[in-house]
C-alpha atoms as a PDB file:
ATOM      1  CA  UNK A   1     127.054 -37.098 -47.585  1.00  0.00           C
ATOM      2  CA  UNK A   2     125.206 -33.940 -46.693  1.00  0.00           C
ATOM      3  CA  UNK A   3     122.019 -32.277 -47.887  1.00  0.00           C
ATOM      4  CA  UNK A   4     122.337 -30.251 -51.110  1.00  0.00           C
ATOM      5  CA  UNK A   5     120.498 -27.043 -51.959  1.00  0.00           C
ATOM      6  CA  UNK A   6     120.229 -25.744 -55.499  1.00  0.00           C
ATOM      7  CA  UNK A   7     118.396 -23.149 -57.550  1.00  0.00           C
ATOM      8  CA  UNK A   8     117.019 -23.407 -61.063  1.00  0.00           C
ATOM      9  CA  UNK A   9     114.930 -21.154 -63.285  1.00  0.00           C
ATOM     10  CA  UNK A  10     112.176 -23.109 -65.013  1.00  0.00           C
ATOM     11  CA  UNK A  11     109.619 -21.438 -67.289  1.00  0.00           C
ATOM     12  CA  UNK A  12     110.736 -17.981 -66.087  1.00  0.00           C
ATOM     13  CA  UNK A  13     110.050 -19.024 -62.486  1.00  0.00           C
ATOM     14  CA  UNK A  14     112.604 -19.356 -59.671  1.00  0.00           C
ATOM     15  CA  UNK A  15     112.735 -22.686 -57.841  1.00  0.00           C
ATOM     16  CA  UNK A  16     114.871 -23.689 -54.855  1.00  0.00           C
ATOM     17  CA  UNK A  17     115.338 -27.406 -54.260  1.00  0.00           C
ATOM     18  CA  UNK A  18     116.550 -29.367 -51.241  1.00  0.00           C
ATOM     19  CA  UNK A  19     118.104 -32.778 -51.991  1.00  0.00           C
ATOM     20  CA  UNK A  20     118.424 -34.992 -48.891  1.00  0.00           C
ATOM     21  CA  UNK A  21     120.455 -38.201 -49.384  1.00  0.00           C
ATOM     22  CA  UNK A  22     119.149 -41.539 -48.144  1.00  0.00           C
ATOM     23  CA  UNK A  23     121.174 -44.724 -48.507  1.00  0.00           C
ATOM     24  CA  UNK A  24     119.394 -47.829 -49.777  1.00  0.00           C
ATOM     25  CA  UNK A  25     120.238 -51.219 -51.303  1.00  0.00           C
ATOM     26  CA  UNK A  26     120.645 -49.658 -54.776  1.00  0.00           C
ATOM     27  CA  UNK A  27     123.080 -47.012 -53.522  1.00  0.00           C
ATOM     28  CA  UNK A  28     121.968 -43.494 -52.765  1.00  0.00           C
ATOM     29  CA  UNK A  29     118.545 -42.000 -53.324  1.00  0.00           C
ATOM     30  CA  UNK A  30     117.474 -38.423 -52.708  1.00  0.00           C
ATOM     31  CA  UNK A  31     114.339 -37.028 -51.133  1.00  0.00           C
ATOM     32  CA  UNK A  32     113.633 -33.827 -53.047  1.00  0.00           C
ATOM     33  CA  UNK A  33     111.656 -30.957 -51.572  1.00  0.00           C
ATOM     34  CA  UNK A  34     110.801 -27.733 -53.379  1.00  0.00           C
ATOM     35  CA  UNK A  35     111.481 -24.926 -50.898  1.00  0.00           C
ATOM     36  CA  UNK A  36     110.476 -22.074 -53.192  1.00  0.00           C
ATOM     37  CA  UNK A  37     107.809 -21.337 -54.211  1.00  0.00           C
ATOM     38  CA  UNK A  38     106.270 -22.514 -50.938  1.00  0.00           C
ATOM     39  CA  UNK A  39     103.585 -25.204 -51.066  1.00  0.00           C
ATOM     40  CA  UNK A  40     104.325 -25.904 -54.727  1.00  0.00           C
ATOM     41  CA  UNK A  41     104.340 -29.682 -54.364  1.00  0.00           C
ATOM     42  CA  UNK A  42     105.135 -32.507 -51.993  1.00  0.00           C
ATOM     43  CA  UNK A  43     108.384 -34.355 -51.443  1.00  0.00           C
ATOM     44  CA  UNK A  44     109.400 -36.834 -54.129  1.00  0.00           C
ATOM     45  CA  UNK A  45     112.333 -39.237 -54.551  1.00  0.00           C
ATOM     46  CA  UNK A  46     115.044 -39.490 -57.202  1.00  0.00           C
ATOM     47  CA  UNK A  47     117.569 -42.272 -57.818  1.00  0.00           C
ATOM     48  CA  UNK A  48     120.345 -42.871 -60.356  1.00  0.00           C
ATOM     49  CA  UNK A  49     119.220 -44.947 -63.346  1.00  0.00           C
ATOM     50  CA  UNK A  50     121.902 -45.234 -65.981  1.00  0.00           C
ATOM     51  CA  UNK A  51     123.377 -41.785 -66.523  1.00  0.00           C
ATOM     52  CA  UNK A  52     120.371 -39.815 -65.246  1.00  0.00           C
ATOM     53  CA  UNK A  53     118.677 -39.166 -61.944  1.00  0.00           C
ATOM     54  CA  UNK A  54     115.034 -40.202 -62.353  1.00  0.00           C
ATOM     55  CA  UNK A  55     111.899 -39.583 -60.309  1.00  0.00           C
ATOM     56  CA  UNK A  56     111.190 -42.836 -58.454  1.00  0.00           C
ATOM     57  CA  UNK A  57     107.683 -42.301 -57.178  1.00  0.00           C
ATOM     58  CA  UNK A  58     106.263 -40.758 -60.352  1.00  0.00           C
ATOM     59  CA  UNK A  59     102.584 -41.322 -59.445  1.00  0.00           C
ATOM     60  CA  UNK A  60     103.044 -39.143 -56.340  1.00  0.00           C
ATOM     61  CA  UNK A  61     104.990 -36.428 -58.175  1.00  0.00           C
ATOM     62  CA  UNK A  62     102.910 -33.795 -59.900  1.00  0.00           C
ATOM     63  CA  UNK A  63     102.899 -32.984 -63.617  1.00  0.00           C
ATOM     64  CA  UNK A  64     105.384 -30.122 -63.164  1.00  0.00           C
ATOM     65  CA  UNK A  65     108.025 -32.452 -61.712  1.00  0.00           C
ATOM     66  CA  UNK A  66     107.536 -35.014 -64.461  1.00  0.00           C
ATOM     67  CA  UNK A  67     107.596 -32.362 -67.202  1.00  0.00           C
ATOM     68  CA  UNK A  68     110.857 -30.876 -65.895  1.00  0.00           C
ATOM     69  CA  UNK A  69     112.520 -34.061 -64.628  1.00  0.00           C
ATOM     70  CA  UNK A  70     115.535 -33.549 -66.935  1.00  0.00           C
ATOM     71  CA  UNK A  71     116.245 -30.057 -65.550  1.00  0.00           C
ATOM     72  CA  UNK A  72     115.916 -31.234 -61.956  1.00  0.00           C
ATOM     73  CA  UNK A  73     118.102 -34.261 -62.786  1.00  0.00           C
ATOM     74  CA  UNK A  74     120.796 -32.018 -64.290  1.00  0.00           C
ATOM     75  CA  UNK A  75     120.800 -29.824 -61.174  1.00  0.00           C
ATOM     76  CA  UNK A  76     121.095 -32.861 -58.888  1.00  0.00           C
ATOM     77  CA  UNK A  77     123.949 -34.289 -61.009  1.00  0.00           C
ATOM     78  CA  UNK A  78     125.858 -30.972 -60.808  1.00  0.00           C
ATOM     79  CA  UNK A  79     125.449 -30.824 -57.040  1.00  0.00           C
ATOM     80  CA  UNK A  80     126.243 -34.527 -56.591  1.00  0.00           C
ATOM     81  CA  UNK A  81     129.508 -34.288 -58.560  1.00  0.00           C
ATOM     82  CA  UNK A  82     130.477 -31.050 -56.818  1.00  0.00           C
ATOM     83  CA  UNK A  83     129.869 -32.414 -53.313  1.00  0.00           C
ATOM     84  CA  UNK A  84     130.867 -36.083 -53.654  1.00  0.00           C
ATOM     85  CA  UNK A  85     134.015 -37.242 -51.946  1.00  0.00           C
ATOM     86  CA  UNK A  86     136.635 -38.583 -54.314  1.00  0.00           C
END
C-alpha cells in the first residue's frame, strides 16, 4: 500500500494531509502529517476501530485534530477504499 494525500476544508481553512501506512499486529495504521498549513501540528497516528478511523495517540494530538477527528477519518476512509487492492 502506498502513501495517500488528501485535501479537506475545515472551518473555512484548507488542509492537506499525508497518510503513510504502517503495518502492525492489529492490521494497518496510518501516520498522519498535516502538510498545509505548514507547522500546524505534529504527526499523529490513526487506526481502524469498528467502522471509523480513530486517533490512536490522542494525548499527543492537538485539540484541532481531536475536534475534527470525524472529518479526518472520513477523508482517510475515502482514500483507503479508493486505493485498496481488491
